[in-house]
Amino acid sequence: GAAAFTGAVAAAAAVAAIYLTGSSGAFSCFPSLPPAAPDPI
């Protein structure tokens, strides 16, 4: 039961991250303006 719940959390978190960064998602992986210095992470 604990493994199944953890797997469900992993799947939900992964789907949310993929959806939010998709083509119509709310987050973007790259900045809109070129930064002066690259991101540290």
PDB file of all heavy atoms in Angstrom:
ATOM      1  N   GLY A   1       0.819  -1.217   0.000  1.00  0.00           N
ATOM      2  CA  GLY A   1       0.000   0.000   0.000  1.00  0.00           C
ATOM      3  C   GLY A   1       0.849   1.261   0.000  1.00  0.00           C
ATOM      4  O   GLY A   1       0.555   2.213  -0.729  1.00  0.00           O
ATOM      5  N   ALA A   2       1.911   1.277   0.778  1.00  0.00           N
ATOM      6  CA  ALA A   2       2.804   2.442   0.806  1.00  0.00           C
ATOM      7  C   ALA A   2       3.508   2.616  -0.532  1.00  0.00           C
ATOM      8  O   ALA A   2       3.653   3.740  -1.028  1.00  0.00           O
ATOM      9  CB  ALA A   2       3.826   2.289   1.928  1.00  0.00           C
ATOM     10  N   ALA A   3       3.927   1.512  -1.135  1.00  0.00           N
ATOM     11  CA  ALA A   3       4.584   1.596  -2.442  1.00  0.00           C
ATOM     12  C   ALA A   3       3.610   2.071  -3.515  1.00  0.00           C
ATOM     13  O   ALA A   3       3.972   2.881  -4.377  1.00  0.00           O
ATOM     14  CB  ALA A   3       5.170   0.240  -2.819  1.00  0.00           C
ATOM     15  N   ALA A   4       2.371   1.597  -3.459  1.00  0.00           N
ATOM     16  CA  ALA A   4       1.379   2.033  -4.432  1.00  0.00           C
ATOM     17  C   ALA A   4       1.059   3.519  -4.273  1.00  0.00           C
ATOM     18  O   ALA A   4       0.935   4.248  -5.264  1.00  0.00           O
ATOM     19  CB  ALA A   4       0.110   1.201  -4.288  1.00  0.00           C
ATOM     20  N   PHE A   5       0.940   3.981  -3.043  1.00  0.00           N
ATOM     21  CA  PHE A   5       0.663   5.399  -2.811  1.00  0.00           C
ATOM     22  C   PHE A   5       1.831   6.261  -3.280  1.00  0.00           C
ATOM     23  O   PHE A   5       1.630   7.302  -3.917  1.00  0.00           O
ATOM     24  CB  PHE A   5       0.375   5.657  -1.327  1.00  0.00           C
ATOM     25  CG  PHE A   5      -0.014   7.080  -1.050  1.00  0.00           C
ATOM     26  CD1 PHE A   5      -1.289   7.518  -1.325  1.00  0.00           C
ATOM     27  CD2 PHE A   5       0.907   7.971  -0.522  1.00  0.00           C
ATOM     28  CE1 PHE A   5      -1.659   8.826  -1.075  1.00  0.00           C
ATOM     29  CE2 PHE A   5       0.557   9.277  -0.270  1.00  0.00           C
ATOM     30  CZ  PHE A   5      -0.726   9.718  -0.548  1.00  0.00           C
ATOM     31  N   THR A   6       3.053   5.830  -3.000  1.00  0.00           N
ATOM     32  CA  THR A   6       4.229   6.575  -3.452  1.00  0.00           C
ATOM     33  C   THR A   6       4.308   6.594  -4.978  1.00  0.00           C
ATOM     34  O   THR A   6       4.644   7.616  -5.580  1.00  0.00           O
ATOM     35  CB  THR A   6       5.509   5.963  -2.857  1.00  0.00           C
ATOM     36  OG1 THR A   6       5.370   5.920  -1.436  1.00  0.00           O
ATOM     37  CG2 THR A   6       6.733   6.766  -3.223  1.00  0.00           C
ATOM     38  N   GLY A   7       3.981   5.490  -5.608  1.00  0.00           N
ATOM     39  CA  GLY A   7       3.947   5.443  -7.070  1.00  0.00           C
ATOM     40  C   GLY A   7       2.886   6.365  -7.647  1.00  0.00           C
ATOM     41  O   GLY A   7       3.107   7.019  -8.673  1.00  0.00           O
ATOM     42  N   ALA A   8       1.738   6.438  -6.988  1.00  0.00           N
ATOM     43  CA  ALA A   8       0.683   7.350  -7.449  1.00  0.00           C
ATOM     44  C   ALA A   8       1.121   8.806  -7.304  1.00  0.00           C
ATOM     45  O   ALA A   8       0.854   9.634  -8.185  1.00  0.00           O
ATOM     46  CB  ALA A   8      -0.599   7.095  -6.665  1.00  0.00           C
ATOM     47  N   VAL A   9       1.802   9.128  -6.217  1.00  0.00           N
ATOM     48  CA  VAL A   9       2.322  10.490  -6.038  1.00  0.00           C
ATOM     49  C   VAL A   9       3.358  10.797  -7.115  1.00  0.00           C
ATOM     50  O   VAL A   9       3.374  11.897  -7.677  1.00  0.00           O
ATOM     51  CB  VAL A   9       2.907  10.669  -4.625  1.00  0.00           C
ATOM     52  CG1 VAL A   9       3.715  11.932  -4.510  1.00  0.00           C
ATOM     53  CG2 VAL A   9       1.796  10.670  -3.595  1.00  0.00           C
ATOM     54  N   ALA A  10       4.223   9.844  -7.409  1.00  0.00           N
ATOM     55  CA  ALA A  10       5.237  10.052  -8.451  1.00  0.00           C
ATOM     56  C   ALA A  10       4.585  10.296  -9.807  1.00  0.00           C
ATOM     57  O   ALA A  10       4.984  11.206 -10.539  1.00  0.00           O
ATOM     58  CB  ALA A  10       6.162   8.839  -8.519  1.00  0.00           C
ATOM     59  N   ALA A  11       3.585   9.497 -10.135  1.00  0.00           N
ATOM     60  CA  ALA A  11       2.911   9.666 -11.420  1.00  0.00           C
ATOM     61  C   ALA A  11       2.187  11.006 -11.499  1.00  0.00           C
ATOM     62  O   ALA A  11       2.254  11.707 -12.518  1.00  0.00           O
ATOM     63  CB  ALA A  11       1.927   8.520 -11.635  1.00  0.00           C
ATOM     64  N   ALA A  12       1.503  11.385 -10.431  1.00  0.00           N
ATOM     65  CA  ALA A  12       0.777  12.661 -10.430  1.00  0.00           C
ATOM     66  C   ALA A  12       1.740  13.841 -10.532  1.00  0.00           C
ATOM     67  O   ALA A  12       1.481  14.802 -11.266  1.00  0.00           O
ATOM     68  CB  ALA A  12      -0.068  12.774  -9.166  1.00  0.00           C
ATOM     69  N   ALA A  13       2.845  13.779  -9.820  1.00  0.00           N
ATOM     70  CA  ALA A  13       3.818  14.874  -9.882  1.00  0.00           C
ATOM     71  C   ALA A  13       4.459  14.968 -11.267  1.00  0.00           C
ATOM     72  O   ALA A  13       4.673  16.062 -11.787  1.00  0.00           O
ATOM     73  CB  ALA A  13       4.883  14.683  -8.811  1.00  0.00           C
ATOM     74  N   ALA A  14       4.761  13.827 -11.856  1.00  0.00           N
ATOM     75  CA  ALA A  14       5.362  13.830 -13.191  1.00  0.00           C
ATOM     76  C   ALA A  14       4.391  14.371 -14.231  1.00  0.00           C
ATOM     77  O   ALA A  14       4.765  15.186 -15.081  1.00  0.00           O
ATOM     78  CB  ALA A  14       5.819  12.426 -13.567  1.00  0.00           C
ATOM     79  N   VAL A  15       3.146  13.950 -14.165  1.00  0.00           N
ATOM     80  CA  VAL A  15       2.146  14.433 -15.123  1.00  0.00           C
ATOM     81  C   VAL A  15       1.938  15.933 -14.954  1.00  0.00           C
ATOM     82  O   VAL A  15       1.832  16.673 -15.940  1.00  0.00           O
ATOM     83  CB  VAL A  15       0.820  13.651 -14.953  1.00  0.00           C
ATOM     84  CG1 VAL A  15      -0.314  14.330 -15.671  1.00  0.00           C
ATOM     85  CG2 VAL A  15       0.992  12.232 -15.451  1.00  0.00           C
ATOM     86  N   ALA A  16       1.899  16.404 -13.716  1.00  0.00           N
ATOM     87  CA  ALA A  16       1.727  17.841 -13.484  1.00  0.00           C
ATOM     88  C   ALA A  16       2.908  18.624 -14.039  1.00  0.00           C
ATOM     89  O   ALA A  16       2.718  19.674 -14.675  1.00  0.00           O
ATOM     90  CB  ALA A  16       1.560  18.108 -11.994  1.00  0.00           C
ATOM     91  N   ALA A  17       4.116  18.147 -13.836  1.00  0.00           N
ATOM     92  CA  ALA A  17       5.297  18.855 -14.348  1.00  0.00           C
ATOM     93  C   ALA A  17       5.303  18.869 -15.872  1.00  0.00           C
ATOM     94  O   ALA A  17       5.625  19.892 -16.491  1.00  0.00           O
ATOM     95  CB  ALA A  17       6.568  18.205 -13.819  1.00  0.00           C
ATOM     96  N   ILE A  18       4.940  17.769 -16.487  1.00  0.00           N
ATOM     97  CA  ILE A  18       4.920  17.698 -17.949  1.00  0.00           C
ATOM     98  C   ILE A  18       3.821  18.597 -18.503  1.00  0.00           C
ATOM     99  O   ILE A  18       4.020  19.313 -19.486  1.00  0.00           O
ATOM    100  CB  ILE A  18       4.744  16.241 -18.409  1.00  0.00           C
ATOM    101  CG1 ILE A  18       5.997  15.440 -18.054  1.00  0.00           C
ATOM    102  CG2 ILE A  18       4.468  16.160 -19.901  1.00  0.00           C
ATOM    103  CD1 ILE A  18       5.821  13.951 -18.147  1.00  0.00           C
ATOM    104  N   TYR A  19       2.668  18.597 -17.863  1.00  0.00           N
ATOM    105  CA  TYR A  19       1.565  19.435 -18.335  1.00  0.00           C
ATOM    106  C   TYR A  19       1.892  20.925 -18.190  1.00  0.00           C
ATOM    107  O   TYR A  19       1.614  21.718 -19.091  1.00  0.00           O
ATOM    108  CB  TYR A  19       0.289  19.102 -17.560  1.00  0.00           C
ATOM    109  CG  TYR A  19      -0.867  19.995 -17.912  1.00  0.00           C
ATOM    110  CD1 TYR A  19      -1.547  19.838 -19.110  1.00  0.00           C
ATOM    111  CD2 TYR A  19      -1.271  21.016 -17.048  1.00  0.00           C
ATOM    112  CE1 TYR A  19      -2.597  20.661 -19.440  1.00  0.00           C
ATOM    113  CE2 TYR A  19      -2.318  21.849 -17.380  1.00  0.00           C
ATOM    114  CZ  TYR A  19      -2.982  21.671 -18.570  1.00  0.00           C
ATOM    115  OH  TYR A  19      -4.019  22.495 -18.904  1.00  0.00           O
ATOM    116  N   LEU A  20       2.484  21.306 -17.071  1.00  0.00           N
ATOM    117  CA  LEU A  20       2.761  22.719 -16.833  1.00  0.00           C
ATOM    118  C   LEU A  20       3.869  23.269 -17.722  1.00  0.00           C
ATOM    119  O   LEU A  20       3.959  24.482 -17.923  1.00  0.00           O
ATOM    120  CB  LEU A  20       3.117  22.946 -15.365  1.00  0.00           C
ATOM    121  CG  LEU A  20       1.949  22.793 -14.390  1.00  0.00           C
ATOM    122  CD1 LEU A  20       2.436  22.906 -12.954  1.00  0.00           C
ATOM    123  CD2 LEU A  20       0.875  23.831 -14.668  1.00  0.00           C
ATOM    124  N   THR A  21       4.729  22.416 -18.249  1.00  0.00           N
ATOM    125  CA  THR A  21       5.796  22.887 -19.130  1.00  0.00           C
ATOM    126  C   THR A  21       5.507  22.595 -20.593  1.00  0.00           C
ATOM    127  O   THR A  21       6.359  22.847 -21.442  1.00  0.00           O
ATOM    128  CB  THR A  21       7.140  22.241 -18.757  1.00  0.00           C
ATOM    129  OG1 THR A  21       7.017  20.832 -18.849  1.00  0.00           O
ATOM    130  CG2 THR A  21       7.585  22.659 -17.389  1.00  0.00           C
ATOM    131  N   GLY A  22       4.341  22.088 -20.893  1.00  0.00           N
ATOM    132  CA  GLY A  22       3.982  21.752 -22.267  1.00  0.00           C
ATOM    133  C   GLY A  22       3.792  22.982 -23.130  1.00  0.00           C
ATOM    134  O   GLY A  22       4.068  24.126 -22.730  1.00  0.00           O
ATOM    135  N   SER A  23       3.281  22.773 -24.334  1.00  0.00           N
ATOM    136  CA  SER A  23       3.135  23.875 -25.288  1.00  0.00           C
ATOM    137  C   SER A  23       2.159  24.941 -24.796  1.00  0.00           C
ATOM    138  O   SER A  23       2.341  26.121 -25.062  1.00  0.00           O
ATOM    139  CB  SER A  23       2.677  23.322 -26.641  1.00  0.00           C
ATOM    140  OG  SER A  23       1.442  22.654 -26.472  1.00  0.00           O
ATOM    141  N   SER A  24       1.129  24.546 -24.083  1.00  0.00           N
ATOM    142  CA  SER A  24       0.186  25.533 -23.547  1.00  0.00           C
ATOM    143  C   SER A  24       0.292  25.630 -22.032  1.00  0.00           C
ATOM    144  O   SER A  24      -0.635  26.078 -21.371  1.00  0.00           O
ATOM    145  CB  SER A  24      -1.242  25.148 -23.944  1.00  0.00           C
ATOM    146  OG  SER A  24      -1.567  23.900 -23.365  1.00  0.00           O
ATOM    147  N   GLY A  25       1.410  25.228 -21.492  1.00  0.00           N
ATOM    148  CA  GLY A  25       1.600  25.215 -20.050  1.00  0.00           C
ATOM    149  C   GLY A  25       1.875  26.592 -19.482  1.00  0.00           C
ATOM    150  O   GLY A  25       2.121  27.571 -20.200  1.00  0.00           O
ATOM    151  N   ALA A  26       1.839  26.674 -18.164  1.00  0.00           N
ATOM    152  CA  ALA A  26       2.010  27.946 -17.473  1.00  0.00           C
ATOM    153  C   ALA A  26       3.480  28.305 -17.273  1.00  0.00           C
ATOM    154  O   ALA A  26       3.801  29.470 -17.057  1.00  0.00           O
ATOM    155  CB  ALA A  26       1.309  27.883 -16.116  1.00  0.00           C
ATOM    156  N   PHE A  27       4.382  27.333 -17.332  1.00  0.00           N
ATOM    157  CA  PHE A  27       5.801  27.578 -17.075  1.00  0.00           C
ATOM    158  C   PHE A  27       6.615  27.318 -18.332  1.00  0.00           C
ATOM    159  O   PHE A  27       6.282  26.467 -19.134  1.00  0.00           O
ATOM    160  CB  PHE A  27       6.324  26.692 -15.948  1.00  0.00           C
ATOM    161  CG  PHE A  27       5.632  26.926 -14.650  1.00  0.00           C
ATOM    162  CD1 PHE A  27       4.780  25.976 -14.133  1.00  0.00           C
ATOM    163  CD2 PHE A  27       5.817  28.099 -13.951  1.00  0.00           C
ATOM    164  CE1 PHE A  27       4.128  26.188 -12.940  1.00  0.00           C
ATOM    165  CE2 PHE A  27       5.172  28.324 -12.763  1.00  0.00           C
ATOM    166  CZ  PHE A  27       4.322  27.366 -12.246  1.00  0.00           C
ATOM    167  N   SER A  28       7.686  28.046 -18.459  1.00  0.00           N
ATOM    168  CA  SER A  28       8.573  27.882 -19.592  1.00  0.00           C
ATOM    169  C   SER A  28       9.944  27.457 -19.093  1.00  0.00           C
ATOM    170  O   SER A  28      10.394  27.901 -18.045  1.00  0.00           O
ATOM    171  CB  SER A  28       8.684  29.200 -20.361  1.00  0.00           C
ATOM    172  OG  SER A  28       9.610  29.066 -21.399  1.00  0.00           O
ATOM    173  N   CYS A  29      10.605  26.627 -19.850  1.00  0.00           N
ATOM    174  CA  CYS A  29      11.930  26.161 -19.459  1.00  0.00           C
ATOM    175  C   CYS A  29      13.030  27.132 -19.847  1.00  0.00           C
ATOM    176  O   CYS A  29      14.155  26.995 -19.415  1.00  0.00           O
ATOM    177  CB  CYS A  29      12.222  24.810 -20.098  1.00  0.00           C
ATOM    178  SG  CYS A  29      11.279  23.484 -19.394  1.00  0.00           S
ATOM    179  N   PHE A  30      12.738  28.087 -20.691  1.00  0.00           N
ATOM    180  CA  PHE A  30      13.776  29.040 -21.092  1.00  0.00           C
ATOM    181  C   PHE A  30      13.262  30.454 -20.867  1.00  0.00           C
ATOM    182  O   PHE A  30      12.077  30.740 -21.006  1.00  0.00           O
ATOM    183  CB  PHE A  30      14.192  28.822 -22.549  1.00  0.00           C
ATOM    184  CG  PHE A  30      13.052  28.867 -23.525  1.00  0.00           C
ATOM    185  CD1 PHE A  30      12.701  30.049 -24.145  1.00  0.00           C
ATOM    186  CD2 PHE A  30      12.331  27.730 -23.809  1.00  0.00           C
ATOM    187  CE1 PHE A  30      11.643  30.086 -25.039  1.00  0.00           C
ATOM    188  CE2 PHE A  30      11.270  27.764 -24.692  1.00  0.00           C
ATOM    189  CZ  PHE A  30      10.929  28.938 -25.313  1.00  0.00           C
ATOM    190  N   PRO A  31      14.151  31.358 -20.498  1.00  0.00           N
ATOM    191  CA  PRO A  31      13.728  32.736 -20.224  1.00  0.00           C
ATOM    192  C   PRO A  31      13.297  33.446 -21.498  1.00  0.00           C
ATOM    193  O   PRO A  31      13.753  33.125 -22.592  1.00  0.00           O
ATOM    194  CB  PRO A  31      14.971  33.378 -19.607  1.00  0.00           C
ATOM    195  CG  PRO A  31      16.103  32.557 -20.082  1.00  0.00           C
ATOM    196  CD  PRO A  31      15.575  31.162 -20.283  1.00  0.00           C
ATOM    197  N   SER A  32      12.412  34.445 -21.367  1.00  0.00           N
ATOM    198  CA  SER A  32      11.933  35.178 -22.535  1.00  0.00           C
ATOM    199  C   SER A  32      13.016  36.131 -23.059  1.00  0.00           C
ATOM    200  O   SER A  32      13.094  36.387 -24.244  1.00  0.00           O
ATOM    201  CB  SER A  32      10.669  35.952 -22.193  1.00  0.00           C
ATOM    202  OG  SER A  32      10.920  36.822 -21.110  1.00  0.00           O
ATOM    203  N   LEU A  33      13.828  36.658 -22.167  1.00  0.00           N
ATOM    204  CA  LEU A  33      14.931  37.526 -22.565  1.00  0.00           C
ATOM    205  C   LEU A  33      16.246  36.793 -22.352  1.00  0.00           C
ATOM    206  O   LEU A  33      16.389  36.057 -21.384  1.00  0.00           O
ATOM    207  CB  LEU A  33      14.933  38.809 -21.731  1.00  0.00           C
ATOM    208  CG  LEU A  33      13.699  39.699 -21.860  1.00  0.00           C
ATOM    209  CD1 LEU A  33      13.767  40.834 -20.868  1.00  0.00           C
ATOM    210  CD2 LEU A  33      13.592  40.227 -23.270  1.00  0.00           C
ATOM    211  N   PRO A  34      17.212  37.004 -23.225  1.00  0.00           N
ATOM    212  CA  PRO A  34      18.497  36.350 -22.985  1.00  0.00           C
ATOM    213  C   PRO A  34      19.149  36.906 -21.720  1.00  0.00           C
ATOM    214  O   PRO A  34      19.288  38.113 -21.588  1.00  0.00           O
ATOM    215  CB  PRO A  34      19.324  36.669 -24.228  1.00  0.00           C
ATOM    216  CG  PRO A  34      18.544  37.633 -25.024  1.00  0.00           C
ATOM    217  CD  PRO A  34      17.174  37.736 -24.461  1.00  0.00           C
ATOM    218  N   PRO A  35      19.516  36.050 -20.809  1.00  0.00           N
ATOM    219  CA  PRO A  35      20.099  36.541 -19.560  1.00  0.00           C
ATOM    220  C   PRO A  35      21.531  37.024 -19.751  1.00  0.00           C
ATOM    221  O   PRO A  35      22.213  36.625 -20.690  1.00  0.00           O
ATOM    222  CB  PRO A  35      20.052  35.327 -18.642  1.00  0.00           C
ATOM    223  CG  PRO A  35      20.122  34.168 -19.581  1.00  0.00           C
ATOM    224  CD  PRO A  35      19.390  34.603 -20.837  1.00  0.00           C
ATOM    225  N   ALA A  36      21.959  37.895 -18.842  1.00  0.00           N
ATOM    226  CA  ALA A  36      23.335  38.384 -18.891  1.00  0.00           C
ATOM    227  C   ALA A  36      24.302  37.261 -18.523  1.00  0.00           C
ATOM    228  O   ALA A  36      25.406  37.184 -19.039  1.00  0.00           O
ATOM    229  CB  ALA A  36      23.496  39.563 -17.938  1.00  0.00           C
ATOM    230  N   ALA A  37      23.882  36.416 -17.621  1.00  0.00           N
ATOM    231  CA  ALA A  37      24.692  35.271 -17.214  1.00  0.00           C
ATOM    232  C   ALA A  37      23.792  34.040 -17.220  1.00  0.00           C
ATOM    233  O   ALA A  37      22.593  34.139 -16.984  1.00  0.00           O
ATOM    234  CB  ALA A  37      25.264  35.491 -15.823  1.00  0.00           C
ATOM    235  N   PRO A  38      24.349  32.878 -17.494  1.00  0.00           N
ATOM    236  CA  PRO A  38      23.503  31.671 -17.483  1.00  0.00           C
ATOM    237  C   PRO A  38      22.980  31.371 -16.076  1.00  0.00           C
ATOM    238  O   PRO A  38      23.570  31.770 -15.079  1.00  0.00           O
ATOM    239  CB  PRO A  38      24.445  30.569 -17.962  1.00  0.00           C
ATOM    240  CG  PRO A  38      25.813  31.101 -17.738  1.00  0.00           C
ATOM    241  CD  PRO A  38      25.728  32.594 -17.820  1.00  0.00           C
ATOM    242  N   ASP A  39      21.858  30.690 -16.047  1.00  0.00           N
ATOM    243  CA  ASP A  39      21.271  30.314 -14.759  1.00  0.00           C
ATOM    244  C   ASP A  39      22.233  29.401 -14.003  1.00  0.00           C
ATOM    245  O   ASP A  39      22.852  28.516 -14.600  1.00  0.00           O
ATOM    246  CB  ASP A  39      19.952  29.566 -14.967  1.00  0.00           C
ATOM    247  CG  ASP A  39      18.857  30.460 -15.520  1.00  0.00           C
ATOM    248  OD1 ASP A  39      18.933  31.681 -15.284  1.00  0.00           O
ATOM    249  OD2 ASP A  39      17.944  29.929 -16.166  1.00  0.00           O
ATOM    250  N   PRO A  40      22.343  29.570 -12.673  1.00  0.00           N
ATOM    251  CA  PRO A  40      23.222  28.667 -11.915  1.00  0.00           C
ATOM    252  C   PRO A  40      22.716  27.227 -11.929  1.00  0.00           C
ATOM    253  O   PRO A  40      23.502  26.289 -11.950  1.00  0.00           O
ATOM    254  CB  PRO A  40      23.214  29.245 -10.505  1.00  0.00           C
ATOM    255  CG  PRO A  40      22.107  30.221 -10.462  1.00  0.00           C
ATOM    256  CD  PRO A  40      21.766  30.600 -11.856  1.00  0.00           C
ATOM    257  N   ILE A  41      21.406  27.066 -11.933  1.00  0.00           N
ATOM    258  CA  ILE A  41      20.795  25.740 -12.072  1.00  0.00           C
ATOM    259  C   ILE A  41      19.887  25.796 -13.292  1.00  0.00           C
ATOM    260  O   ILE A  41      18.947  26.598 -13.326  1.00  0.00           O
ATOM    261  CB  ILE A  41      19.976  25.357 -10.824  1.00  0.00           C
ATOM    262  CG1 ILE A  41      20.858  25.344  -9.582  1.00  0.00           C
ATOM    263  CG2 ILE A  41      19.316  23.998 -11.017  1.00  0.00           C
ATOM    264  CD1 ILE A  41      20.099  25.122  -8.303  1.00  0.00           C
TER     265      ILE A  41
END
